Amino acid sequence: MVRKLRAVVGWKLKDLSAASGVDVQTIHRLEAGKTKEAERDTLTKLATAFGLTWRHLLDAVPAPIELPIAPSAKAQKRRSRA
């Protein structure tokens, strides 16, 4: 879910790390499935960076159709080409 959200807004790992305060390696391990269980604090930080709650990341609550944060210009260009 984190990778999917990151792609929607056009962020690189370092962008999400800067926005959330979570280490790049931690995010990478979560996205790659190398870490099966994340601490709730980590999930909260990641979700907050996207304007969501940690429960959205676990699909306990469906994410809104439109994310509260705007996609980057780069992500918008990719979508318009598709």
PDB file of N, CA and C in Angstrom:
ATOM      1  N   MET A   1       0.825  -1.190   0.000  1.00  0.00           N
ATOM      2  CA  MET A   1       0.000   0.000   0.000  1.00  0.00           C
ATOM      3  C   MET A   1       0.872   1.257   0.000  1.00  0.00           C
ATOM      4  N   VAL A   2       1.956   1.232   0.749  1.00  0.00           N
ATOM      5  CA  VAL A   2       2.835   2.405   0.819  1.00  0.00           C
ATOM      6  C   VAL A   2       3.417   2.704  -0.560  1.00  0.00           C
ATOM      7  N   ARG A   3       3.882   1.677  -1.239  1.00  0.00           N
ATOM      8  CA  ARG A   3       4.460   1.875  -2.582  1.00  0.00           C
ATOM      9  C   ARG A   3       3.405   2.444  -3.541  1.00  0.00           C
ATOM     10  N   LYS A   4       2.199   1.925  -3.455  1.00  0.00           N
ATOM     11  CA  LYS A   4       1.120   2.381  -4.326  1.00  0.00           C
ATOM     12  C   LYS A   4       0.809   3.863  -4.062  1.00  0.00           C
ATOM     13  N   LEU A   5       0.708   4.252  -2.808  1.00  0.00           N
ATOM     14  CA  LEU A   5       0.441   5.650  -2.468  1.00  0.00           C
ATOM     15  C   LEU A   5       1.588   6.549  -2.911  1.00  0.00           C
ATOM     16  N   ARG A   6       2.794   6.063  -2.710  1.00  0.00           N
ATOM     17  CA  ARG A   6       3.979   6.840  -3.101  1.00  0.00           C
ATOM     18  C   ARG A   6       3.973   7.079  -4.615  1.00  0.00           C
ATOM     19  N   ALA A   7       3.576   6.075  -5.375  1.00  0.00           N
ATOM     20  CA  ALA A   7       3.519   6.210  -6.831  1.00  0.00           C
ATOM     21  C   ALA A   7       2.438   7.206  -7.247  1.00  0.00           C
ATOM     22  N   VAL A   8       1.317   7.185  -6.563  1.00  0.00           N
ATOM     23  CA  VAL A   8       0.218   8.094  -6.894  1.00  0.00           C
ATOM     24  C   VAL A   8       0.646   9.551  -6.757  1.00  0.00           C
ATOM     25  N   VAL A   9       1.409   9.849  -5.703  1.00  0.00           N
ATOM     26  CA  VAL A   9       1.817  11.243  -5.499  1.00  0.00           C
ATOM     27  C   VAL A   9       3.153  11.563  -6.159  1.00  0.00           C
ATOM     28  N   GLY A  10       3.805  10.543  -6.738  1.00  0.00           N
ATOM     29  CA  GLY A  10       5.051  10.782  -7.467  1.00  0.00           C
ATOM     30  C   GLY A  10       6.263  11.007  -6.586  1.00  0.00           C
ATOM     31  N   TRP A  11       6.257  10.396  -5.398  1.00  0.00           N
ATOM     32  CA  TRP A  11       7.381  10.548  -4.481  1.00  0.00           C
ATOM     33  C   TRP A  11       8.388   9.419  -4.653  1.00  0.00           C
ATOM     34  N   LYS A  12       9.639   9.749  -4.484  1.00  0.00           N
ATOM     35  CA  LYS A  12      10.697   8.756  -4.367  1.00  0.00           C
ATOM     36  C   LYS A  12      10.776   8.364  -2.900  1.00  0.00           C
ATOM     37  N   LEU A  13      11.542   7.323  -2.605  1.00  0.00           N
ATOM     38  CA  LEU A  13      11.705   6.902  -1.217  1.00  0.00           C
ATOM     39  C   LEU A  13      12.177   8.052  -0.334  1.00  0.00           C
ATOM     40  N   LYS A  14      13.147   8.824  -0.836  1.00  0.00           N
ATOM     41  CA  LYS A  14      13.685   9.916  -0.026  1.00  0.00           C
ATOM     42  C   LYS A  14      12.645  10.998   0.225  1.00  0.00           C
ATOM     43  N   ASP A  15      11.711  11.195  -0.708  1.00  0.00           N
ATOM     44  CA  ASP A  15      10.645  12.179  -0.523  1.00  0.00           C
ATOM     45  C   ASP A  15       9.724  11.760   0.618  1.00  0.00           C
ATOM     46  N   LEU A  16       9.335  10.485   0.615  1.00  0.00           N
ATOM     47  CA  LEU A  16       8.473   9.981   1.683  1.00  0.00           C
ATOM     48  C   LEU A  16       9.209  10.004   3.007  1.00  0.00           C
ATOM     49  N   SER A  17      10.476   9.671   2.995  1.00  0.00           N
ATOM     50  CA  SER A  17      11.274   9.701   4.206  1.00  0.00           C
ATOM     51  C   SER A  17      11.307  11.113   4.797  1.00  0.00           C
ATOM     52  N   ALA A  18      11.518  12.097   3.942  1.00  0.00           N
ATOM     53  CA  ALA A  18      11.569  13.488   4.405  1.00  0.00           C
ATOM     54  C   ALA A  18      10.208  13.937   4.935  1.00  0.00           C
ATOM     55  N   ALA A  19       9.138  13.523   4.277  1.00  0.00           N
ATOM     56  CA  ALA A  19       7.797  13.935   4.681  1.00  0.00           C
ATOM     57  C   ALA A  19       7.328  13.237   5.951  1.00  0.00           C
ATOM     58  N   SER A  20       7.828  12.024   6.183  1.00  0.00           N
ATOM     59  CA  SER A  20       7.340  11.226   7.309  1.00  0.00           C
ATOM     60  C   SER A  20       8.290  11.156   8.498  1.00  0.00           C
ATOM     61  N   GLY A  21       9.577  11.340   8.237  1.00  0.00           N
ATOM     62  CA  GLY A  21      10.555  11.167   9.305  1.00  0.00           C
ATOM     63  C   GLY A  21      10.942   9.711   9.516  1.00  0.00           C
ATOM     64  N   VAL A  22      10.536   8.845   8.589  1.00  0.00           N
ATOM     65  CA  VAL A  22      10.886   7.412   8.659  1.00  0.00           C
ATOM     66  C   VAL A  22      12.085   7.177   7.749  1.00  0.00           C
ATOM     67  N   ASP A  23      13.043   6.419   8.231  1.00  0.00           N
ATOM     68  CA  ASP A  23      14.268   6.130   7.499  1.00  0.00           C
ATOM     69  C   ASP A  23      13.976   5.465   6.145  1.00  0.00           C
ATOM     70  N   VAL A  24      14.732   5.840   5.133  1.00  0.00           N
ATOM     71  CA  VAL A  24      14.568   5.291   3.782  1.00  0.00           C
ATOM     72  C   VAL A  24      14.653   3.766   3.799  1.00  0.00           C
ATOM     73  N   GLN A  25      15.600   3.216   4.527  1.00  0.00           N
ATOM     74  CA  GLN A  25      15.765   1.762   4.574  1.00  0.00           C
ATOM     75  C   GLN A  25      14.546   1.071   5.182  1.00  0.00           C
ATOM     76  N   THR A  26      13.949   1.690   6.181  1.00  0.00           N
ATOM     77  CA  THR A  26      12.748   1.126   6.808  1.00  0.00           C
ATOM     78  C   THR A  26      11.603   1.096   5.801  1.00  0.00           C
ATOM     79  N   ILE A  27      11.434   2.186   5.067  1.00  0.00           N
ATOM     80  CA  ILE A  27      10.379   2.246   4.049  1.00  0.00           C
ATOM     81  C   ILE A  27      10.631   1.195   2.976  1.00  0.00           C
ATOM     82  N   HIS A  28      11.875   1.088   2.531  1.00  0.00           N
ATOM     83  CA  HIS A  28      12.230   0.098   1.500  1.00  0.00           C
ATOM     84  C   HIS A  28      11.909  -1.316   1.976  1.00  0.00           C
ATOM     85  N   ARG A  29      12.288  -1.649   3.211  1.00  0.00           N
ATOM     86  CA  ARG A  29      12.013  -2.991   3.745  1.00  0.00           C
ATOM     87  C   ARG A  29      10.513  -3.264   3.822  1.00  0.00           C
ATOM     88  N   LEU A  30       9.734  -2.261   4.216  1.00  0.00           N
ATOM     89  CA  LEU A  30       8.280  -2.435   4.272  1.00  0.00           C
ATOM     90  C   LEU A  30       7.703  -2.685   2.883  1.00  0.00           C
ATOM     91  N   GLU A  31       8.116  -1.876   1.922  1.00  0.00           N
ATOM     92  CA  GLU A  31       7.600  -2.021   0.562  1.00  0.00           C
ATOM     93  C   GLU A  31       8.022  -3.336  -0.078  1.00  0.00           C
ATOM     94  N   ALA A  32       9.208  -3.804   0.239  1.00  0.00           N
ATOM     95  CA  ALA A  32       9.719  -5.043  -0.351  1.00  0.00           C
ATOM     96  C   ALA A  32       9.193  -6.285   0.370  1.00  0.00           C
ATOM     97  N   GLY A  33       8.466  -6.079   1.467  1.00  0.00           N
ATOM     98  CA  GLY A  33       7.933  -7.216   2.218  1.00  0.00           C
ATOM     99  C   GLY A  33       8.957  -7.887   3.105  1.00  0.00           C
ATOM    100  N   LYS A  34      10.101  -7.243   3.297  1.00  0.00           N
ATOM    101  CA  LYS A  34      11.145  -7.818   4.148  1.00  0.00           C
ATOM    102  C   LYS A  34      10.837  -7.616   5.628  1.00  0.00           C
ATOM    103  N   THR A  35       9.980  -6.658   5.910  1.00  0.00           N
ATOM    104  CA  THR A  35       9.506  -6.421   7.269  1.00  0.00           C
ATOM    105  C   THR A  35       8.023  -6.731   7.266  1.00  0.00           C
ATOM    106  N   LYS A  36       7.649  -7.754   7.991  1.00  0.00           N
ATOM    107  CA  LYS A  36       6.251  -8.179   7.994  1.00  0.00           C
ATOM    108  C   LYS A  36       5.396  -7.356   8.949  1.00  0.00           C
ATOM    109  N   GLU A  37       5.992  -6.905  10.044  1.00  0.00           N
ATOM    110  CA  GLU A  37       5.243  -6.144  11.024  1.00  0.00           C
ATOM    111  C   GLU A  37       5.939  -4.819  11.284  1.00  0.00           C
ATOM    112  N   ALA A  38       5.219  -3.756  11.090  1.00  0.00           N
ATOM    113  CA  ALA A  38       5.758  -2.430  11.361  1.00  0.00           C
ATOM    114  C   ALA A  38       5.159  -1.920  12.666  1.00  0.00           C
ATOM    115  N   GLU A  39       5.924  -1.108  13.363  1.00  0.00           N
ATOM    116  CA  GLU A  39       5.399  -0.514  14.576  1.00  0.00           C
ATOM    117  C   GLU A  39       4.299   0.473  14.218  1.00  0.00           C
ATOM    118  N   ARG A  40       3.343   0.602  15.095  1.00  0.00           N
ATOM    119  CA  ARG A  40       2.229   1.505  14.827  1.00  0.00           C
ATOM    120  C   ARG A  40       2.712   2.940  14.656  1.00  0.00           C
ATOM    121  N   ASP A  41       3.732   3.324  15.388  1.00  0.00           N
ATOM    122  CA  ASP A  41       4.289   4.672  15.264  1.00  0.00           C
ATOM    123  C   ASP A  41       4.821   4.907  13.848  1.00  0.00           C
ATOM    124  N   THR A  42       5.495   3.902  13.286  1.00  0.00           N
ATOM    125  CA  THR A  42       6.023   4.004  11.926  1.00  0.00           C
ATOM    126  C   THR A  42       4.884   4.134  10.925  1.00  0.00           C
ATOM    127  N   LEU A  43       3.867   3.302  11.071  1.00  0.00           N
ATOM    128  CA  LEU A  43       2.711   3.368  10.175  1.00  0.00           C
ATOM    129  C   LEU A  43       2.004   4.716  10.291  1.00  0.00           C
ATOM    130  N   THR A  44       1.915   5.223  11.503  1.00  0.00           N
ATOM    131  CA  THR A  44       1.274   6.520  11.716  1.00  0.00           C
ATOM    132  C   THR A  44       2.038   7.627  11.004  1.00  0.00           C
ATOM    133  N   LYS A  45       3.361   7.602  11.110  1.00  0.00           N
ATOM    134  CA  LYS A  45       4.188   8.618  10.448  1.00  0.00           C
ATOM    135  C   LYS A  45       4.036   8.551   8.931  1.00  0.00           C
ATOM    136  N   LEU A  46       4.068   7.338   8.386  1.00  0.00           N
ATOM    137  CA  LEU A  46       3.922   7.177   6.942  1.00  0.00           C
ATOM    138  C   LEU A  46       2.541   7.628   6.476  1.00  0.00           C
ATOM    139  N   ALA A  47       1.517   7.200   7.179  1.00  0.00           N
ATOM    140  CA  ALA A  47       0.151   7.559   6.800  1.00  0.00           C
ATOM    141  C   ALA A  47      -0.064   9.061   6.893  1.00  0.00           C
ATOM    142  N   THR A  48       0.455   9.676   7.939  1.00  0.00           N
ATOM    143  CA  THR A  48       0.288  11.121   8.116  1.00  0.00           C
ATOM    144  C   THR A  48       0.926  11.890   6.966  1.00  0.00           C
ATOM    145  N   ALA A  49       2.036  11.393   6.449  1.00  0.00           N
ATOM    146  CA  ALA A  49       2.686  12.042   5.305  1.00  0.00           C
ATOM    147  C   ALA A  49       1.755  12.083   4.094  1.00  0.00           C
ATOM    148  N   PHE A  50       0.876  11.084   3.978  1.00  0.00           N
ATOM    149  CA  PHE A  50      -0.094  11.031   2.875  1.00  0.00           C
ATOM    150  C   PHE A  50      -1.426  11.683   3.238  1.00  0.00           C
ATOM    151  N   GLY A  51      -1.552  12.151   4.480  1.00  0.00           N
ATOM    152  CA  GLY A  51      -2.808  12.750   4.926  1.00  0.00           C
ATOM    153  C   GLY A  51      -3.852  11.706   5.290  1.00  0.00           C
ATOM    154  N   LEU A  52      -3.391  10.514   5.665  1.00  0.00           N
ATOM    155  CA  LEU A  52      -4.275   9.407   6.014  1.00  0.00           C
ATOM    156  C   LEU A  52      -4.021   8.967   7.449  1.00  0.00           C
ATOM    157  N   THR A  53      -4.674   7.881   7.873  1.00  0.00           N
ATOM    158  CA  THR A  53      -4.413   7.290   9.186  1.00  0.00           C
ATOM    159  C   THR A  53      -3.711   5.949   8.994  1.00  0.00           C
ATOM    160  N   TRP A  54      -3.116   5.440  10.048  1.00  0.00           N
ATOM    161  CA  TRP A  54      -2.410   4.155   9.952  1.00  0.00           C
ATOM    162  C   TRP A  54      -3.365   3.042   9.556  1.00  0.00           C
ATOM    163  N   ARG A  55      -4.626   3.169   9.910  1.00  0.00           N
ATOM    164  CA  ARG A  55      -5.603   2.130   9.561  1.00  0.00           C
ATOM    165  C   ARG A  55      -5.820   2.057   8.049  1.00  0.00           C
ATOM    166  N   HIS A  56      -5.641   3.188   7.344  1.00  0.00           N
ATOM    167  CA  HIS A  56      -5.744   3.163   5.877  1.00  0.00           C
ATOM    168  C   HIS A  56      -4.652   2.282   5.284  1.00  0.00           C
ATOM    169  N   LEU A  57      -3.454   2.345   5.860  1.00  0.00           N
ATOM    170  CA  LEU A  57      -2.346   1.554   5.324  1.00  0.00           C
ATOM    171  C   LEU A  57      -2.580   0.059   5.507  1.00  0.00           C
ATOM    172  N   LEU A  58      -3.320  -0.301   6.515  1.00  0.00           N
ATOM    173  CA  LEU A  58      -3.613  -1.713   6.764  1.00  0.00           C
ATOM    174  C   LEU A  58      -4.903  -2.151   6.078  1.00  0.00           C
ATOM    175  N   ASP A  59      -5.518  -1.236   5.329  1.00  0.00           N
ATOM    176  CA  ASP A  59      -6.797  -1.489   4.664  1.00  0.00           C
ATOM    177  C   ASP A  59      -7.918  -1.806   5.641  1.00  0.00           C
ATOM    178  N   ALA A  60      -7.725  -1.425   6.909  1.00  0.00           N
ATOM    179  CA  ALA A  60      -8.801  -1.589   7.884  1.00  0.00           C
ATOM    180  C   ALA A  60      -9.892  -0.564   7.600  1.00  0.00           C
ATOM    181  N   VAL A  61      -9.486   0.544   6.994  1.00  0.00           N
ATOM    182  CA  VAL A  61     -10.416   1.600   6.584  1.00  0.00           C
ATOM    183  C   VAL A  61     -10.080   1.915   5.132  1.00  0.00           C
ATOM    184  N   PRO A  62     -11.049   1.890   4.237  1.00  0.00           N
ATOM    185  CA  PRO A  62     -10.738   2.217   2.837  1.00  0.00           C
ATOM    186  C   PRO A  62     -10.179   3.627   2.699  1.00  0.00           C
ATOM    187  N   ALA A  63      -9.161   3.766   1.900  1.00  0.00           N
ATOM    188  CA  ALA A  63      -8.571   5.080   1.645  1.00  0.00           C
ATOM    189  C   ALA A  63      -9.529   5.883   0.767  1.00  0.00           C
ATOM    190  N   PRO A  64      -9.524   7.195   0.946  1.00  0.00           N
ATOM    191  CA  PRO A  64     -10.387   8.012   0.086  1.00  0.00           C
ATOM    192  C   PRO A  64      -9.968   7.900  -1.370  1.00  0.00           C
ATOM    193  N   ILE A  65     -10.896   8.131  -2.261  1.00  0.00           N
ATOM    194  CA  ILE A  65     -10.597   8.053  -3.694  1.00  0.00           C
ATOM    195  C   ILE A  65      -9.523   9.069  -4.065  1.00  0.00           C
ATOM    196  N   GLU A  66      -9.621  10.264  -3.539  1.00  0.00           N
ATOM    197  CA  GLU A  66      -8.620  11.303  -3.775  1.00  0.00           C
ATOM    198  C   GLU A  66      -7.795  11.469  -2.513  1.00  0.00           C
ATOM    199  N   LEU A  67      -6.494  11.423  -2.647  1.00  0.00           N
ATOM    200  CA  LEU A  67      -5.631  11.633  -1.489  1.00  0.00           C
ATOM    201  C   LEU A  67      -5.690  13.094  -1.066  1.00  0.00           C
ATOM    202  N   PRO A  68      -5.574  13.338   0.243  1.00  0.00           N
ATOM    203  CA  PRO A  68      -5.600  14.714   0.726  1.00  0.00           C
ATOM    204  C   PRO A  68      -4.416  15.559   0.255  1.00  0.00           C
ATOM    205  N   ILE A  69      -3.330  14.921  -0.199  1.00  0.00           N
ATOM    206  CA  ILE A  69      -2.192  15.695  -0.693  1.00  0.00           C
ATOM    207  C   ILE A  69      -2.187  15.653  -2.207  1.00  0.00           C
ATOM    208  N   ALA A  70      -1.675  16.691  -2.796  1.00  0.00           N
ATOM    209  CA  ALA A  70      -1.656  16.785  -4.260  1.00  0.00           C
ATOM    210  C   ALA A  70      -0.484  16.003  -4.834  1.00  0.00           C
ATOM    211  N   PRO A  71      -0.692  15.308  -5.937  1.00  0.00           N
ATOM    212  CA  PRO A  71       0.411  14.623  -6.612  1.00  0.00           C
ATOM    213  C   PRO A  71       1.438  15.633  -7.107  1.00  0.00           C
ATOM    214  N   SER A  72       2.658  15.192  -7.194  1.00  0.00           N
ATOM    215  CA  SER A  72       3.701  16.059  -7.726  1.00  0.00           C
ATOM    216  C   SER A  72       3.435  16.307  -9.210  1.00  0.00           C
ATOM    217  N   ALA A  73       4.063  17.323  -9.753  1.00  0.00           N
ATOM    218  CA  ALA A  73       3.903  17.637 -11.181  1.00  0.00           C
ATOM    219  C   ALA A  73       4.355  16.464 -12.028  1.00  0.00           C
ATOM    220  N   LYS A  74       5.409  15.771 -11.596  1.00  0.00           N
ATOM    221  CA  LYS A  74       5.933  14.624 -12.342  1.00  0.00           C
ATOM    222  C   LYS A  74       4.888  13.507 -12.412  1.00  0.00           C
ATOM    223  N   ALA A  75       4.226  13.241 -11.296  1.00  0.00           N
ATOM    224  CA  ALA A  75       3.205  12.193 -11.271  1.00  0.00           C
ATOM    225  C   ALA A  75       2.023  12.572 -12.146  1.00  0.00           C
ATOM    226  N   GLN A  76       1.655  13.844 -12.150  1.00  0.00           N
ATOM    227  CA  GLN A  76       0.547  14.288 -12.986  1.00  0.00           C
ATOM    228  C   GLN A  76       0.875  14.133 -14.465  1.00  0.00           C
ATOM    229  N   LYS A  77       2.117  14.407 -14.862  1.00  0.00           N
ATOM    230  CA  LYS A  77       2.521  14.231 -16.253  1.00  0.00           C
ATOM    231  C   LYS A  77       2.441  12.776 -16.674  1.00  0.00           C
ATOM    232  N   ARG A  78       2.896  11.866 -15.778  1.00  0.00           N
ATOM    233  CA  ARG A  78       2.831  10.434 -16.086  1.00  0.00           C
ATOM    234  C   ARG A  78       1.388   9.996 -16.315  1.00  0.00           C
ATOM    235  N   ARG A  79       0.467  10.473 -15.479  1.00  0.00           N
ATOM    236  CA  ARG A  79      -0.920  10.094 -15.616  1.00  0.00           C
ATOM    237  C   ARG A  79      -1.521  10.614 -16.913  1.00  0.00           C
ATOM    238  N   SER A  80      -1.160  11.825 -17.296  1.00  0.00           N
ATOM    239  CA  SER A  80      -1.740  12.414 -18.508  1.00  0.00           C
ATOM    240  C   SER A  80      -1.249  11.703 -19.767  1.00  0.00           C
ATOM    241  N   ARG A  81      -0.073  11.086 -19.705  1.00  0.00           N
ATOM    242  CA  ARG A  81       0.454  10.345 -20.859  1.00  0.00           C
ATOM    243  C   ARG A  81      -0.183   8.988 -20.999  1.00  0.00           C
ATOM    244  N   ALA A  82      -0.671   8.445 -19.898  1.00  0.00           N
ATOM    245  CA  ALA A  82      -1.226   7.083 -19.911  1.00  0.00           C
ATOM    246  C   ALA A  82      -2.590   7.009 -20.547  1.00  0.00           C
TER     247      ALA A  82
END
